[in-house]
């Protein structure tokens, strides 16, 4: 969620008996400009965004995090991310010049991989 110039992440419990959950804001130390694909592995949150893939180390309670840095996976517009064995596979959204590929079933999408620590 983008609150003005500040990006915010929230922890929402997945297992609720009555279907109602209280979201808790994650206090973020450091910055990341945007968030598209999110992948949580242990206590590390990987955030795919137009600048690359940000790595955020979360506290034990998952309510605070430190941005460790951003890796450029070789995609023009990193979007979705999925862990596979010891790599994080990142999909290039590939909208094309002036969004010419949006809705085009023939458009190709590149997947790149970066090693996980």
C-alpha atoms as a PDB file:
ATOM      1  CA  UNK A   1       0.000   0.000   0.000  1.00  0.00           C
ATOM      2  CA  UNK A   2       1.323   3.444  -0.845  1.00  0.00           C
ATOM      3  CA  UNK A   3       0.578   6.196   1.665  1.00  0.00           C
ATOM      4  CA  UNK A   4       1.638   9.357  -0.111  1.00  0.00           C
ATOM      5  CA  UNK A   5       5.380   9.006  -0.539  1.00  0.00           C
ATOM      6  CA  UNK A   6       5.667   6.179   1.982  1.00  0.00           C
ATOM      7  CA  UNK A   7       5.285   2.500   1.201  1.00  0.00           C
ATOM      8  CA  UNK A   8       3.696   0.405   3.959  1.00  0.00           C
ATOM      9  CA  UNK A   9       3.556  -3.346   4.517  1.00  0.00           C
ATOM     10  CA  UNK A  10       1.088  -5.117   6.787  1.00  0.00           C
ATOM     11  CA  UNK A  11       1.116  -8.517   8.474  1.00  0.00           C
ATOM     12  CA  UNK A  12      -2.273 -10.212   8.105  1.00  0.00           C
ATOM     13  CA  UNK A  13      -2.756 -13.589   9.826  1.00  0.00           C
ATOM     14  CA  UNK A  14      -3.896 -16.284   7.403  1.00  0.00           C
ATOM     15  CA  UNK A  15      -5.509 -18.666   9.871  1.00  0.00           C
ATOM     16  CA  UNK A  16      -8.486 -17.102  11.615  1.00  0.00           C
ATOM     17  CA  UNK A  17     -11.348 -19.116  13.045  1.00  0.00           C
ATOM     18  CA  UNK A  18     -14.038 -16.522  12.316  1.00  0.00           C
ATOM     19  CA  UNK A  19     -12.599 -15.121   9.071  1.00  0.00           C
ATOM     20  CA  UNK A  20     -11.725 -11.789  10.694  1.00  0.00           C
ATOM     21  CA  UNK A  21      -8.111 -10.712  11.118  1.00  0.00           C
ATOM     22  CA  UNK A  22      -6.361  -7.711  12.617  1.00  0.00           C
ATOM     23  CA  UNK A  23      -3.645  -6.379  10.324  1.00  0.00           C
ATOM     24  CA  UNK A  24      -0.474  -5.039  11.959  1.00  0.00           C
ATOM     25  CA  UNK A  25       1.749  -2.543  10.185  1.00  0.00           C
ATOM     26  CA  UNK A  26       5.347  -3.627   9.653  1.00  0.00           C
ATOM     27  CA  UNK A  27       7.770  -0.875  10.694  1.00  0.00           C
ATOM     28  CA  UNK A  28      10.263  -0.589   7.856  1.00  0.00           C
ATOM     29  CA  UNK A  29      13.828   0.717   8.345  1.00  0.00           C
ATOM     30  CA  UNK A  30      15.193   1.770   4.986  1.00  0.00           C
ATOM     31  CA  UNK A  31      13.246   2.363   1.811  1.00  0.00           C
ATOM     32  CA  UNK A  32      11.912   0.598  -1.225  1.00  0.00           C
ATOM     33  CA  UNK A  33      10.083   2.592  -3.876  1.00  0.00           C
ATOM     34  CA  UNK A  34       7.289   0.212  -4.798  1.00  0.00           C
ATOM     35  CA  UNK A  35       5.975  -3.300  -4.287  1.00  0.00           C
ATOM     36  CA  UNK A  36       4.608  -5.712  -6.850  1.00  0.00           C
ATOM     37  CA  UNK A  37       5.518  -9.354  -6.236  1.00  0.00           C
ATOM     38  CA  UNK A  38       6.100 -10.355  -2.613  1.00  0.00           C
ATOM     39  CA  UNK A  39       7.761 -13.583  -1.487  1.00  0.00           C
ATOM     40  CA  UNK A  40       8.343 -14.425   2.193  1.00  0.00           C
ATOM     41  CA  UNK A  41      11.009 -17.043   2.874  1.00  0.00           C
ATOM     42  CA  UNK A  42      11.553 -17.601   6.570  1.00  0.00           C
ATOM     43  CA  UNK A  43      11.959 -14.078   7.946  1.00  0.00           C
ATOM     44  CA  UNK A  44      13.206 -12.559   4.699  1.00  0.00           C
ATOM     45  CA  UNK A  45      10.750 -10.688   2.500  1.00  0.00           C
ATOM     46  CA  UNK A  46      11.679 -10.304  -1.168  1.00  0.00           C
ATOM     47  CA  UNK A  47       9.890  -7.446  -2.922  1.00  0.00           C
ATOM     48  CA  UNK A  48       9.890  -7.327  -6.735  1.00  0.00           C
ATOM     49  CA  UNK A  49       9.501  -3.761  -7.971  1.00  0.00           C
ATOM     50  CA  UNK A  50      10.567  -1.627 -10.962  1.00  0.00           C
ATOM     51  CA  UNK A  51      14.007  -1.024  -9.389  1.00  0.00           C
ATOM     52  CA  UNK A  52      14.767  -4.741  -8.895  1.00  0.00           C
ATOM     53  CA  UNK A  53      14.233  -7.094  -5.960  1.00  0.00           C
ATOM     54  CA  UNK A  54      14.512  -5.573  -2.497  1.00  0.00           C
ATOM     55  CA  UNK A  55      15.567  -7.871   0.353  1.00  0.00           C
ATOM     56  CA  UNK A  56      14.014  -7.069   3.733  1.00  0.00           C
ATOM     57  CA  UNK A  57      15.050  -8.924   6.902  1.00  0.00           C
ATOM     58  CA  UNK A  58      12.087  -9.106   9.295  1.00  0.00           C
ATOM     59  CA  UNK A  59      12.113  -9.309  13.090  1.00  0.00           C
ATOM     60  CA  UNK A  60      11.042 -12.501  14.897  1.00  0.00           C
ATOM     61  CA  UNK A  61       7.570 -11.023  15.382  1.00  0.00           C
ATOM     62  CA  UNK A  62       7.432 -10.053  11.666  1.00  0.00           C
ATOM     63  CA  UNK A  63       6.385  -6.520  12.682  1.00  0.00           C
ATOM     64  CA  UNK A  64       9.644  -4.693  11.846  1.00  0.00           C
ATOM     65  CA  UNK A  65      12.061  -5.006   8.973  1.00  0.00           C
ATOM     66  CA  UNK A  66      15.402  -3.706   7.708  1.00  0.00           C
ATOM     67  CA  UNK A  67      15.916  -3.157   3.975  1.00  0.00           C
ATOM     68  CA  UNK A  68      19.234  -4.878   3.216  1.00  0.00           C
ATOM     69  CA  UNK A  69      19.503  -3.814  -0.410  1.00  0.00           C
ATOM     70  CA  UNK A  70      18.150  -4.233  -3.923  1.00  0.00           C
ATOM     71  CA  UNK A  71      19.328  -6.694  -6.583  1.00  0.00           C
ATOM     72  CA  UNK A  72      18.695  -6.121 -10.294  1.00  0.00           C
ATOM     73  CA  UNK A  73      17.688  -9.509 -11.729  1.00  0.00           C
ATOM     74  CA  UNK A  74      18.062  -8.451 -15.382  1.00  0.00           C
ATOM     75  CA  UNK A  75      14.374  -7.807 -15.975  1.00  0.00           C
ATOM     76  CA  UNK A  76      13.075  -4.518 -17.389  1.00  0.00           C
ATOM     77  CA  UNK A  77      10.102  -4.496 -14.995  1.00  0.00           C
ATOM     78  CA  UNK A  78      10.342  -7.138 -12.241  1.00  0.00           C
ATOM     79  CA  UNK A  79       6.887  -8.200 -11.102  1.00  0.00           C
ATOM     80  CA  UNK A  80       6.074 -11.648  -9.670  1.00  0.00           C
ATOM     81  CA  UNK A  81       8.648 -13.649  -7.701  1.00  0.00           C
ATOM     82  CA  UNK A  82       8.729 -17.353  -6.794  1.00  0.00           C
ATOM     83  CA  UNK A  83      11.365 -19.340  -4.935  1.00  0.00           C
ATOM     84  CA  UNK A  84      12.587 -22.461  -6.693  1.00  0.00           C
ATOM     85  CA  UNK A  85      15.267 -24.592  -5.004  1.00  0.00           C
ATOM     86  CA  UNK A  86      18.018 -22.056  -4.158  1.00  0.00           C
ATOM     87  CA  UNK A  87      16.971 -19.301  -6.572  1.00  0.00           C
ATOM     88  CA  UNK A  88      14.367 -16.580  -6.695  1.00  0.00           C
ATOM     89  CA  UNK A  89      12.714 -16.568 -10.126  1.00  0.00           C
ATOM     90  CA  UNK A  90      11.426 -13.161 -11.193  1.00  0.00           C
ATOM     91  CA  UNK A  91       8.992 -12.483 -14.037  1.00  0.00           C
ATOM     92  CA  UNK A  92       9.571  -9.474 -16.276  1.00  0.00           C
ATOM     93  CA  UNK A  93       6.148  -7.804 -16.692  1.00  0.00           C
ATOM     94  CA  UNK A  94       7.079  -6.910 -20.301  1.00  0.00           C
ATOM     95  CA  UNK A  95       4.408  -4.305 -21.014  1.00  0.00           C
ATOM     96  CA  UNK A  96       6.232  -3.319 -24.204  1.00  0.00           C
ATOM     97  CA  UNK A  97       6.929   0.159 -25.460  1.00  0.00           C
ATOM     98  CA  UNK A  98       3.975   2.437 -24.664  1.00  0.00           C
ATOM     99  CA  UNK A  99       2.209  -0.585 -23.125  1.00  0.00           C
ATOM    100  CA  UNK A 100       1.811  -2.143 -26.588  1.00  0.00           C
ATOM    101  CA  UNK A 101       1.935  -5.724 -25.220  1.00  0.00           C
ATOM    102  CA  UNK A 102      -0.897  -5.294 -22.703  1.00  0.00           C
ATOM    103  CA  UNK A 103      -3.605  -7.782 -23.636  1.00  0.00           C
ATOM    104  CA  UNK A 104      -1.523  -9.328 -26.448  1.00  0.00           C
ATOM    105  CA  UNK A 105      -1.663 -13.136 -26.101  1.00  0.00           C
ATOM    106  CA  UNK A 106       1.459 -13.434 -28.294  1.00  0.00           C
ATOM    107  CA  UNK A 107       3.590 -11.305 -25.930  1.00  0.00           C
ATOM    108  CA  UNK A 108       6.542 -13.183 -24.422  1.00  0.00           C
ATOM    109  CA  UNK A 109       7.594 -12.914 -20.814  1.00  0.00           C
ATOM    110  CA  UNK A 110      11.120 -13.441 -19.577  1.00  0.00           C
ATOM    111  CA  UNK A 111      11.892 -15.141 -16.276  1.00  0.00           C
ATOM    112  CA  UNK A 112      15.238 -14.458 -14.649  1.00  0.00           C
ATOM    113  CA  UNK A 113      16.711 -16.040 -11.539  1.00  0.00           C
ATOM    114  CA  UNK A 114      18.884 -14.684  -8.755  1.00  0.00           C
ATOM    115  CA  UNK A 115      20.588 -16.853  -6.140  1.00  0.00           C
ATOM    116  CA  UNK A 116      19.102 -16.925  -2.670  1.00  0.00           C
ATOM    117  CA  UNK A 117      21.499 -16.539   0.255  1.00  0.00           C
END
